[in-house]
Amino acid sequence: MLNVDLHCHSSVSDGVMAPSEVAARAKANGVDVWALTDHDEVGGIAEARAAARTLDLDYVAGVEISATWAGHTLHIVGLHIDETNEALIQGLATTRTGRTRRAREIALELEKAGIPDAYEGALKFVGNPDLISRMHFARYISELGICASPAEVFSRFLTSGKPGFVPHRWASLTDALKWIHDAGGISVMAHPGRYKLSDIEFGALFDEFKQLGGMAIEVTTGSHSVDQYAQYAEIARQYEFLASRGSDFHGPGESRVDLGNLPPLPSGVKPVWHNWV
């Protein structure tokens, strides 16, 4: 059975390792087919592809796009994209523009909570200033010793209702899927189990995703519990979505699951890679 990992991040977005280092870790962990899916950015693809070729690792060009649906932030992974597609490039550039503005607002809120200079501190952890994110703030606040880990920072400061949370309106779901499809890619709803939606909202979301040409959902992912593997396998069967698998790896010690270490997809689903290899 192939070891496929189609969701992870490098220092080009909010991971801690360079794309070539992520490729080497994937290979060392026994991954057969790998995709780098940095947030709203395709700048790491060339390095990732070259490293994978050197390592004899099957590589799939990918991206993870932040989208807003019904006031909720969702993530849509694009796989097998053409990273030179102009519509995709321009769409991602527009999405990134809002990150800096939001980051400065987060820093102001954190200062009110007693954490000064958080924007400058977060920048120390950012490879690309256009892609500053909550994770970079979390790493800085952890470094200060205010919290023991980035996860604790999120729970105390950076989620809805906490003193450092600032909502952001990303691309629409329609736009995110259009950019992926214009680039010849396969659209995958990332880690649906993370979204705080009611059953009615989930039904509406899956219906709209399918109507817009959404092709797959992540079933086995580092963001899901064991029970959710079965739950979203059933959703995939019900909506005839393809099933994807990805660790959502960001770095050693920061991720719930290492690259390539997820269990296989549940039985009865069609893998998103069924006709690739």
Protein backbone atom coordinates (compact mmCIF):
# COMPACT_ATOMS: atom_id res chain seq x y z
CA MET A 1 0.00 0.00 0.00
CA LEU A 2 1.36 3.41 -0.98
CA ASN A 3 2.28 5.85 1.78
CA VAL A 4 0.75 9.09 0.49
CA ASP A 5 1.01 12.44 2.31
CA LEU A 6 -0.73 15.30 0.51
CA HIS A 7 -0.79 18.05 3.13
CA CYS A 8 2.22 19.67 4.82
CA HIS A 9 3.96 23.02 5.16
CA SER A 10 7.41 24.53 4.83
CA SER A 11 9.05 27.74 6.03
CA VAL A 12 7.70 29.39 2.88
CA SER A 13 4.42 29.65 4.83
CA ASP A 14 4.13 28.65 8.49
CA GLY A 15 6.25 25.52 8.69
CA VAL A 16 9.71 25.48 10.28
CA MET A 17 11.69 23.55 7.64
CA ALA A 18 12.74 24.52 4.13
CA PRO A 19 10.91 22.74 1.28
CA SER A 20 13.95 20.55 0.55
CA GLU A 21 14.18 19.58 4.23
CA VAL A 22 10.50 18.63 4.29
CA ALA A 23 11.10 16.49 1.19
CA ALA A 24 14.02 14.72 2.89
CA ARG A 25 11.91 14.05 6.00
CA ALA A 26 9.08 12.68 3.88
CA LYS A 27 11.47 10.32 2.12
CA ALA A 28 13.11 9.24 5.39
CA ASN A 29 9.65 8.49 6.84
CA GLY A 30 8.75 6.20 3.96
CA VAL A 31 6.44 8.50 2.01
CA ASP A 32 5.92 7.39 -1.61
CA VAL A 33 3.81 10.28 -2.96
CA TRP A 34 4.17 13.73 -1.43
CA ALA A 35 2.68 17.20 -1.82
CA LEU A 36 3.87 20.44 -0.26
CA THR A 37 0.79 22.60 0.37
CA ASP A 38 1.94 25.93 1.77
CA HIS A 39 -0.68 28.47 2.81
CA ASP A 40 -1.68 30.85 0.00
CA GLU A 41 1.76 30.54 -1.61
CA VAL A 42 3.39 28.47 -4.36
CA GLY A 43 6.90 29.86 -3.91
CA GLY A 44 8.25 26.63 -2.41
CA ILE A 45 7.12 24.34 -5.20
CA ALA A 46 10.24 24.58 -7.39
CA GLU A 47 12.57 23.69 -4.49
CA ALA A 48 10.23 20.93 -3.32
CA ARG A 49 9.97 19.42 -6.81
CA ALA A 50 13.74 19.50 -7.35
CA ALA A 51 14.42 17.90 -3.97
CA ALA A 52 11.81 15.20 -4.56
CA ARG A 53 13.32 14.39 -7.94
CA THR A 54 16.76 13.98 -6.37
CA LEU A 55 15.27 11.72 -3.69
CA ASP A 56 13.24 9.65 -6.20
CA LEU A 57 10.07 10.75 -4.41
CA ASP A 58 6.86 11.17 -6.41
CA TYR A 59 5.87 14.82 -6.08
CA VAL A 60 2.53 16.58 -6.53
CA ALA A 61 2.40 20.39 -6.77
CA GLY A 62 0.01 21.77 -4.17
CA VAL A 63 -1.27 24.78 -2.23
CA GLU A 64 -3.64 25.40 0.69
CA ILE A 65 -5.96 28.36 0.16
CA SER A 66 -7.66 30.19 3.03
CA ALA A 67 -11.34 30.83 2.31
CA THR A 68 -14.30 32.38 4.10
CA TRP A 69 -17.67 30.63 4.00
CA ALA A 70 -20.69 31.84 6.01
CA GLY A 71 -18.38 33.74 8.34
CA HIS A 72 -16.14 30.71 8.97
CA THR A 73 -12.56 30.24 7.83
CA LEU A 74 -12.00 27.10 5.76
CA HIS A 75 -8.93 25.69 4.04
CA ILE A 76 -9.05 24.27 0.53
CA VAL A 77 -6.10 22.26 -0.75
CA GLY A 78 -5.30 22.29 -4.46
CA LEU A 79 -3.40 19.28 -5.81
CA HIS A 80 -1.75 18.75 -9.19
CA ILE A 81 -1.90 22.49 -9.82
CA ASP A 82 0.02 24.44 -12.44
CA GLU A 83 1.77 26.91 -10.16
CA THR A 84 2.46 29.25 -13.10
CA ASN A 85 -1.24 29.82 -13.80
CA GLU A 86 -1.88 33.56 -13.76
CA ALA A 87 -5.36 33.39 -12.20
CA LEU A 88 -4.01 31.32 -9.32
CA ILE A 89 -0.98 33.56 -8.82
CA GLN A 90 -3.06 36.73 -8.75
CA GLY A 91 -5.68 35.21 -6.47
CA LEU A 92 -3.08 34.08 -3.95
CA ALA A 93 -1.39 37.50 -4.05
CA THR A 94 -4.71 39.15 -3.21
CA THR A 95 -5.26 36.74 -0.34
CA ARG A 96 -1.80 37.37 1.09
CA THR A 97 -2.31 41.14 1.08
CA GLY A 98 -4.75 40.89 3.97
CA ARG A 99 -2.36 38.90 6.17
CA THR A 100 -0.08 41.84 7.04
CA ARG A 101 -3.01 44.07 7.98
CA ARG A 102 -4.49 41.35 10.16
CA ALA A 103 -1.11 40.65 11.80
CA ARG A 104 -0.73 44.28 12.85
CA GLU A 105 -4.21 44.19 14.35
CA ILE A 106 -3.32 40.99 16.23
CA ALA A 107 -0.21 42.70 17.60
CA LEU A 108 -2.30 45.63 18.86
CA GLU A 109 -4.68 43.25 20.62
CA LEU A 110 -1.77 41.34 22.16
CA GLU A 111 -0.25 44.59 23.41
CA LYS A 112 -3.51 45.34 25.22
CA ALA A 113 -3.16 41.89 26.80
CA GLY A 114 0.34 42.74 28.07
CA ILE A 115 2.50 41.38 25.24
CA PRO A 116 4.30 44.29 23.53
CA ASP A 117 6.21 44.21 20.21
CA ALA A 118 4.51 41.00 19.13
CA TYR A 119 4.53 41.94 15.43
CA GLU A 120 8.31 42.40 15.38
CA GLY A 121 8.74 39.26 17.48
CA ALA A 122 6.59 37.18 15.14
CA LEU A 123 8.55 38.42 12.12
CA LYS A 124 11.64 36.60 13.44
CA PHE A 125 9.88 33.33 12.60
CA VAL A 126 8.60 34.37 9.17
CA GLY A 127 10.32 33.35 5.95
CA ASN A 128 8.04 35.51 3.80
CA PRO A 129 6.63 38.66 5.51
CA ASP A 130 3.56 38.49 3.26
CA LEU A 131 2.67 35.20 4.92
CA ILE A 132 2.81 36.17 8.58
CA SER A 133 0.24 34.09 10.46
CA ARG A 134 -1.05 33.27 13.92
CA MET A 135 1.46 30.41 14.11
CA HIS A 136 4.34 32.89 13.96
CA PHE A 137 2.85 34.83 16.88
CA ALA A 138 2.40 31.55 18.73
CA ARG A 139 6.07 30.65 18.30
CA TYR A 140 7.16 34.08 19.55
CA ILE A 141 4.93 34.00 22.63
CA SER A 142 6.18 30.48 23.40
CA GLU A 143 9.76 31.73 23.12
CA LEU A 144 8.95 34.44 25.69
CA GLY A 145 7.89 31.71 28.12
CA ILE A 146 4.38 33.07 28.53
CA CYS A 147 3.05 29.75 27.28
CA ALA A 148 4.66 26.34 27.15
CA SER A 149 3.83 25.62 23.53
CA PRO A 150 2.27 27.17 20.42
CA ALA A 151 -0.86 25.10 21.10
CA GLU A 152 -1.24 26.77 24.49
CA VAL A 153 -0.81 30.20 22.87
CA PHE A 154 -3.66 29.45 20.49
CA SER A 155 -5.94 28.33 23.31
CA ARG A 156 -5.15 31.37 25.50
CA PHE A 157 -4.76 34.16 22.95
CA LEU A 158 -5.38 33.41 19.27
CA THR A 159 -8.76 31.73 18.89
CA SER A 160 -12.21 33.27 18.77
CA GLY A 161 -13.13 35.05 21.99
CA LYS A 162 -9.52 35.30 23.22
CA PRO A 163 -7.61 38.60 23.63
CA GLY A 164 -5.41 38.28 20.53
CA PHE A 165 -7.95 36.96 18.04
CA VAL A 166 -8.70 39.04 14.95
CA PRO A 167 -11.04 37.61 12.32
CA HIS A 168 -10.11 37.93 8.68
CA ARG A 169 -12.14 37.68 5.50
CA TRP A 170 -10.28 35.47 3.06
CA ALA A 171 -11.14 34.50 -0.51
CA SER A 172 -14.65 33.24 -1.12
CA LEU A 173 -15.14 29.51 -1.49
CA THR A 174 -16.16 30.16 -5.09
CA ASP A 175 -12.94 32.02 -5.83
CA ALA A 176 -10.69 29.48 -4.09
CA LEU A 177 -12.12 26.59 -6.10
CA LYS A 178 -12.05 28.58 -9.33
CA TRP A 179 -8.35 29.40 -8.91
CA ILE A 180 -7.53 25.74 -8.29
CA HIS A 181 -9.61 24.51 -11.22
CA ASP A 182 -8.26 27.22 -13.55
CA ALA A 183 -4.80 25.91 -12.66
CA GLY A 184 -5.85 22.40 -13.67
CA GLY A 185 -5.91 21.21 -10.06
CA ILE A 186 -8.01 18.97 -7.86
CA SER A 187 -9.85 20.75 -5.04
CA VAL A 188 -9.80 19.11 -1.61
CA MET A 189 -11.55 20.32 1.53
CA ALA A 190 -8.88 20.23 4.22
CA HIS A 191 -9.55 18.73 7.68
CA PRO A 192 -13.35 19.25 7.80
CA GLY A 193 -13.40 17.94 11.35
CA ARG A 194 -11.75 21.16 12.54
CA TYR A 195 -14.62 23.41 11.53
CA LYS A 196 -17.09 24.41 14.23
CA LEU A 197 -20.27 23.98 12.21
CA SER A 198 -23.69 22.56 13.00
CA ASP A 199 -24.98 19.51 11.15
CA ILE A 200 -27.18 21.78 9.01
CA GLU A 201 -24.23 24.04 8.19
CA PHE A 202 -22.06 21.05 7.30
CA GLY A 203 -24.74 19.79 4.95
CA ALA A 204 -24.96 23.17 3.26
CA LEU A 205 -21.17 23.39 3.02
CA PHE A 206 -20.72 19.96 1.45
CA ASP A 207 -23.60 20.64 -0.97
CA GLU A 208 -22.08 23.95 -2.09
CA PHE A 209 -18.56 22.50 -2.29
CA LYS A 210 -19.83 19.76 -4.60
CA GLN A 211 -21.88 22.19 -6.71
CA LEU A 212 -18.78 24.34 -7.20
CA GLY A 213 -16.82 21.35 -8.46
CA GLY A 214 -15.19 20.31 -5.20
CA MET A 215 -13.70 16.89 -5.77
CA ALA A 216 -12.33 15.49 -2.51
CA ILE A 217 -12.16 15.83 1.26
CA GLU A 218 -9.42 14.95 3.69
CA VAL A 219 -10.46 11.84 5.57
CA THR A 220 -7.27 10.71 7.28
CA THR A 221 -5.43 13.80 8.50
CA GLY A 222 -3.40 14.87 11.51
CA SER A 223 -6.24 17.20 12.49
CA HIS A 224 -8.80 14.37 12.83
CA SER A 225 -9.42 11.95 15.66
CA VAL A 226 -9.64 8.23 14.99
CA ASP A 227 -13.45 8.42 15.17
CA GLN A 228 -13.44 11.19 12.58
CA TYR A 229 -11.60 9.00 10.07
CA ALA A 230 -14.72 6.84 9.87
CA GLN A 231 -17.08 9.83 10.04
CA TYR A 232 -15.55 11.60 7.05
CA ALA A 233 -15.08 8.39 5.13
CA GLU A 234 -18.86 8.06 5.31
CA ILE A 235 -19.26 11.68 4.13
CA ALA A 236 -16.94 10.91 1.20
CA ARG A 237 -19.06 7.91 0.26
CA GLN A 238 -22.32 9.82 0.69
CA TYR A 239 -21.28 12.76 -1.51
CA GLU A 240 -19.09 10.69 -3.84
CA PHE A 241 -16.03 12.72 -2.91
CA LEU A 242 -12.57 11.28 -3.40
CA ALA A 243 -10.70 10.75 -0.12
CA SER A 244 -7.38 12.39 0.68
CA ARG A 245 -4.71 11.73 3.30
CA GLY A 246 -2.27 14.26 4.75
CA SER A 247 -0.45 14.84 8.01
CA ASP A 248 -0.73 18.67 8.05
CA PHE A 249 2.89 18.57 9.23
CA HIS A 250 4.45 21.93 10.22
CA GLY A 251 7.57 20.86 12.06
CA PRO A 252 9.04 18.43 14.58
CA GLY A 253 7.43 18.89 17.97
CA GLU A 254 4.65 21.13 16.61
CA SER A 255 2.51 18.64 14.73
CA ARG A 256 0.20 15.94 16.04
CA VAL A 257 1.38 13.52 13.35
CA ASP A 258 4.73 13.31 11.58
CA LEU A 259 5.00 13.09 7.82
CA GLY A 260 3.88 9.71 6.50
CA ASN A 261 2.80 8.40 9.91
CA LEU A 262 -0.97 8.42 9.43
CA PRO A 263 -2.96 5.18 9.23
CA PRO A 264 -4.31 4.17 5.81
CA LEU A 265 -7.60 5.47 4.48
CA PRO A 266 -10.64 3.54 5.69
CA SER A 267 -12.01 0.91 3.34
CA GLY A 268 -14.75 1.73 0.88
CA VAL A 269 -13.48 5.14 -0.22
CA LYS A 270 -11.76 6.04 -3.49
CA PRO A 271 -8.34 7.68 -2.91
CA VAL A 272 -7.79 11.03 -4.57
CA TRP A 273 -4.64 9.51 -6.07
CA HIS A 274 -6.46 6.49 -7.54
CA ASN A 275 -5.54 7.38 -11.14
CA TRP A 276 -2.13 9.00 -10.53
CA VAL A 277 0.11 6.02 -9.85
